[in-house]
Amino acid sequence: WSNYFAVVQHVGEALMTKGSLSMGELMNVLSRDTKTKGYPFPLVRNAILTLMQHNMVTSSAEEREIRQKGETRIVETNPVYCMDTKEALYRQRYPRYLQLAKQKKKK
């Protein structure tokens, strides 16, 4: 499990430093990082899902228009993932909230 939490940490760090990324872009960023040495797709996907379940990552659709020969156009929709930095910073304060709640309960 400790290895999985490292994957979640690296995915979160990549999204915080690089901004909104598609899954392909995220995989490229992680493969170039010397700490990660490229994680397999299922681990990165699960890390994204974990961060989404904790409301730390949001997903939105990015539309890209592809032109083909002639007038035919195809619109491709690609999900883009973005780290919610405020939510991530709130997580650092949770231990303090718990400590204050315990102090109030004792009174």
C-alpha atoms as a PDB file:
ATOM      1  CA  TRP A   1       0.000   0.000   0.000  1.00  0.00           C
ATOM      2  CA  SER A   2       2.801   2.439   0.720  1.00  0.00           C
ATOM      3  CA  ASN A   3       3.827   2.227  -2.937  1.00  0.00           C
ATOM      4  CA  TYR A   4       0.267   3.039  -4.057  1.00  0.00           C
ATOM      5  CA  PHE A   5       0.169   6.131  -1.846  1.00  0.00           C
ATOM      6  CA  ALA A   6       3.404   7.276  -3.495  1.00  0.00           C
ATOM      7  CA  VAL A   7       1.683   6.964  -6.883  1.00  0.00           C
ATOM      8  CA  VAL A   8      -1.229   9.090  -5.626  1.00  0.00           C
ATOM      9  CA  GLN A   9       1.247  11.646  -4.285  1.00  0.00           C
ATOM     10  CA  HIS A  10       3.170  11.854  -7.568  1.00  0.00           C
ATOM     11  CA  VAL A  11      -0.015  12.173  -9.615  1.00  0.00           C
ATOM     12  CA  GLY A  12      -1.211  14.982  -7.328  1.00  0.00           C
ATOM     13  CA  GLU A  13       2.142  16.742  -7.517  1.00  0.00           C
ATOM     14  CA  ALA A  14       2.170  16.513 -11.310  1.00  0.00           C
ATOM     15  CA  LEU A  15      -1.319  18.011 -11.544  1.00  0.00           C
ATOM     16  CA  MET A  16      -0.438  20.794  -9.109  1.00  0.00           C
ATOM     17  CA  THR A  17       2.758  21.775 -10.898  1.00  0.00           C
ATOM     18  CA  LYS A  18       1.661  21.309 -14.522  1.00  0.00           C
ATOM     19  CA  GLY A  19      -1.995  22.356 -14.249  1.00  0.00           C
ATOM     20  CA  SER A  20      -4.815  20.673 -16.159  1.00  0.00           C
ATOM     21  CA  LEU A  21      -3.671  17.536 -17.986  1.00  0.00           C
ATOM     22  CA  SER A  22      -5.276  14.814 -20.034  1.00  0.00           C
ATOM     23  CA  MET A  23      -4.494  11.215 -19.124  1.00  0.00           C
ATOM     24  CA  GLY A  24      -1.988  10.945 -21.989  1.00  0.00           C
ATOM     25  CA  GLU A  25      -0.236  14.153 -20.958  1.00  0.00           C
ATOM     26  CA  LEU A  26      -0.164  13.006 -17.340  1.00  0.00           C
ATOM     27  CA  MET A  27       1.358   9.665 -18.338  1.00  0.00           C
ATOM     28  CA  ASN A  28       4.039  11.537 -20.348  1.00  0.00           C
ATOM     29  CA  VAL A  29       4.852  13.842 -17.430  1.00  0.00           C
ATOM     30  CA  LEU A  30       5.145  10.900 -15.042  1.00  0.00           C
ATOM     31  CA  SER A  31       7.288   8.896 -17.468  1.00  0.00           C
ATOM     32  CA  ARG A  32       9.778  11.778 -17.729  1.00  0.00           C
ATOM     33  CA  ASP A  33      10.006  12.184 -13.944  1.00  0.00           C
ATOM     34  CA  THR A  34      13.049  10.432 -12.477  1.00  0.00           C
ATOM     35  CA  LYS A  35      11.212   9.673  -9.191  1.00  0.00           C
ATOM     36  CA  THR A  36       8.343   7.823 -10.851  1.00  0.00           C
ATOM     37  CA  LYS A  37      10.131   6.158 -13.778  1.00  0.00           C
ATOM     38  CA  GLY A  38       6.732   5.780 -15.425  1.00  0.00           C
ATOM     39  CA  TYR A  39       3.829   4.144 -13.666  1.00  0.00           C
ATOM     40  CA  PRO A  40       1.555   1.688 -15.465  1.00  0.00           C
ATOM     41  CA  PHE A  41      -1.764   3.086 -16.687  1.00  0.00           C
ATOM     42  CA  PRO A  42      -3.975   1.185 -14.176  1.00  0.00           C
ATOM     43  CA  LEU A  43      -2.065   2.663 -11.217  1.00  0.00           C
ATOM     44  CA  VAL A  44      -2.330   6.215 -12.560  1.00  0.00           C
ATOM     45  CA  ARG A  45      -6.030   5.757 -13.381  1.00  0.00           C
ATOM     46  CA  ASN A  46      -6.716   4.450  -9.861  1.00  0.00           C
ATOM     47  CA  ALA A  47      -4.742   7.317  -8.333  1.00  0.00           C
ATOM     48  CA  ILE A  48      -6.878   9.800 -10.305  1.00  0.00           C
ATOM     49  CA  LEU A  49     -10.039   8.023  -9.112  1.00  0.00           C
ATOM     50  CA  THR A  50      -8.834   8.129  -5.505  1.00  0.00           C
ATOM     51  CA  LEU A  51      -8.119  11.847  -5.736  1.00  0.00           C
ATOM     52  CA  MET A  52     -11.523  12.422  -7.356  1.00  0.00           C
ATOM     53  CA  GLN A  53     -13.280  10.500  -4.571  1.00  0.00           C
ATOM     54  CA  HIS A  54     -11.641  12.832  -2.064  1.00  0.00           C
ATOM     55  CA  ASN A  55     -12.729  15.885  -4.133  1.00  0.00           C
ATOM     56  CA  MET A  56      -9.124  16.871  -4.750  1.00  0.00           C
ATOM     57  CA  VAL A  57      -9.242  16.389  -8.531  1.00  0.00           C
ATOM     58  CA  THR A  58     -11.956  17.489 -10.928  1.00  0.00           C
ATOM     59  CA  SER A  59     -12.564  16.368 -14.472  1.00  0.00           C
ATOM     60  CA  SER A  60     -13.801  18.407 -17.397  1.00  0.00           C
ATOM     61  CA  ALA A  61     -14.179  17.737 -21.106  1.00  0.00           C
ATOM     62  CA  GLU A  62     -11.823  19.356 -23.591  1.00  0.00           C
ATOM     63  CA  GLU A  63     -13.104  19.472 -27.133  1.00  0.00           C
ATOM     64  CA  ARG A  64     -10.675  19.383 -30.008  1.00  0.00           C
ATOM     65  CA  GLU A  65     -11.651  19.731 -33.627  1.00  0.00           C
ATOM     66  CA  ILE A  66      -9.914  17.460 -36.107  1.00  0.00           C
ATOM     67  CA  ARG A  67     -10.036  18.427 -39.762  1.00  0.00           C
ATOM     68  CA  GLN A  68     -10.111  15.799 -42.387  1.00  0.00           C
ATOM     69  CA  LYS A  69     -10.006  16.011 -46.151  1.00  0.00           C
ATOM     70  CA  GLY A  70     -12.848  18.072 -47.474  1.00  0.00           C
ATOM     71  CA  GLU A  71     -15.462  19.621 -45.241  1.00  0.00           C
ATOM     72  CA  THR A  72     -15.832  16.706 -42.833  1.00  0.00           C
ATOM     73  CA  ARG A  73     -14.976  17.666 -39.264  1.00  0.00           C
ATOM     74  CA  ILE A  74     -14.770  15.492 -36.217  1.00  0.00           C
ATOM     75  CA  VAL A  75     -14.979  16.862 -32.698  1.00  0.00           C
ATOM     76  CA  GLU A  76     -13.003  14.790 -30.239  1.00  0.00           C
ATOM     77  CA  THR A  77     -13.791  15.040 -26.530  1.00  0.00           C
ATOM     78  CA  ASN A  78     -10.958  14.327 -24.160  1.00  0.00           C
ATOM     79  CA  PRO A  79     -11.238  14.400 -20.348  1.00  0.00           C
ATOM     80  CA  VAL A  80      -8.845  16.781 -18.603  1.00  0.00           C
ATOM     81  CA  TYR A  81      -7.962  16.465 -14.918  1.00  0.00           C
ATOM     82  CA  CYS A  82      -7.262  19.402 -12.630  1.00  0.00           C
ATOM     83  CA  MET A  83      -6.104  19.504  -9.010  1.00  0.00           C
ATOM     84  CA  ASP A  84      -8.211  21.590  -6.622  1.00  0.00           C
ATOM     85  CA  THR A  85      -5.434  23.317  -4.697  1.00  0.00           C
ATOM     86  CA  LYS A  86      -7.772  24.808  -2.077  1.00  0.00           C
ATOM     87  CA  GLU A  87      -9.105  21.364  -1.211  1.00  0.00           C
ATOM     88  CA  ALA A  88      -5.549  20.027  -0.969  1.00  0.00           C
ATOM     89  CA  LEU A  89      -4.577  22.836   1.413  1.00  0.00           C
ATOM     90  CA  TYR A  90      -7.663  22.230   3.573  1.00  0.00           C
ATOM     91  CA  ARG A  91      -6.449  18.655   4.096  1.00  0.00           C
ATOM     92  CA  GLN A  92      -3.373  19.962   5.874  1.00  0.00           C
ATOM     93  CA  ARG A  93      -5.607  21.634   8.475  1.00  0.00           C
ATOM     94  CA  TYR A  94      -7.658  18.548   9.367  1.00  0.00           C
ATOM     95  CA  PRO A  95      -5.412  17.484  12.271  1.00  0.00           C
ATOM     96  CA  ARG A  96      -5.842  20.950  13.803  1.00  0.00           C
ATOM     97  CA  TYR A  97      -9.649  20.723  13.438  1.00  0.00           C
ATOM     98  CA  LEU A  98      -9.630  17.346  15.163  1.00  0.00           C
ATOM     99  CA  GLN A  99      -7.456  18.661  17.974  1.00  0.00           C
ATOM    100  CA  LEU A 100      -9.819  21.598  18.566  1.00  0.00           C
ATOM    101  CA  ALA A 101     -12.842  19.277  18.536  1.00  0.00           C
ATOM    102  CA  LYS A 102     -11.227  17.005  21.149  1.00  0.00           C
ATOM    103  CA  GLN A 103     -10.401  20.013  23.342  1.00  0.00           C
ATOM    104  CA  LYS A 104     -13.993  21.257  23.157  1.00  0.00           C
ATOM    105  CA  LYS A 105     -15.329  17.813  23.981  1.00  0.00           C
ATOM    106  CA  LYS A 106     -13.185  17.611  27.136  1.00  0.00           C
ATOM    107  CA  LYS A 107     -14.579  20.930  28.466  1.00  0.00           C
END
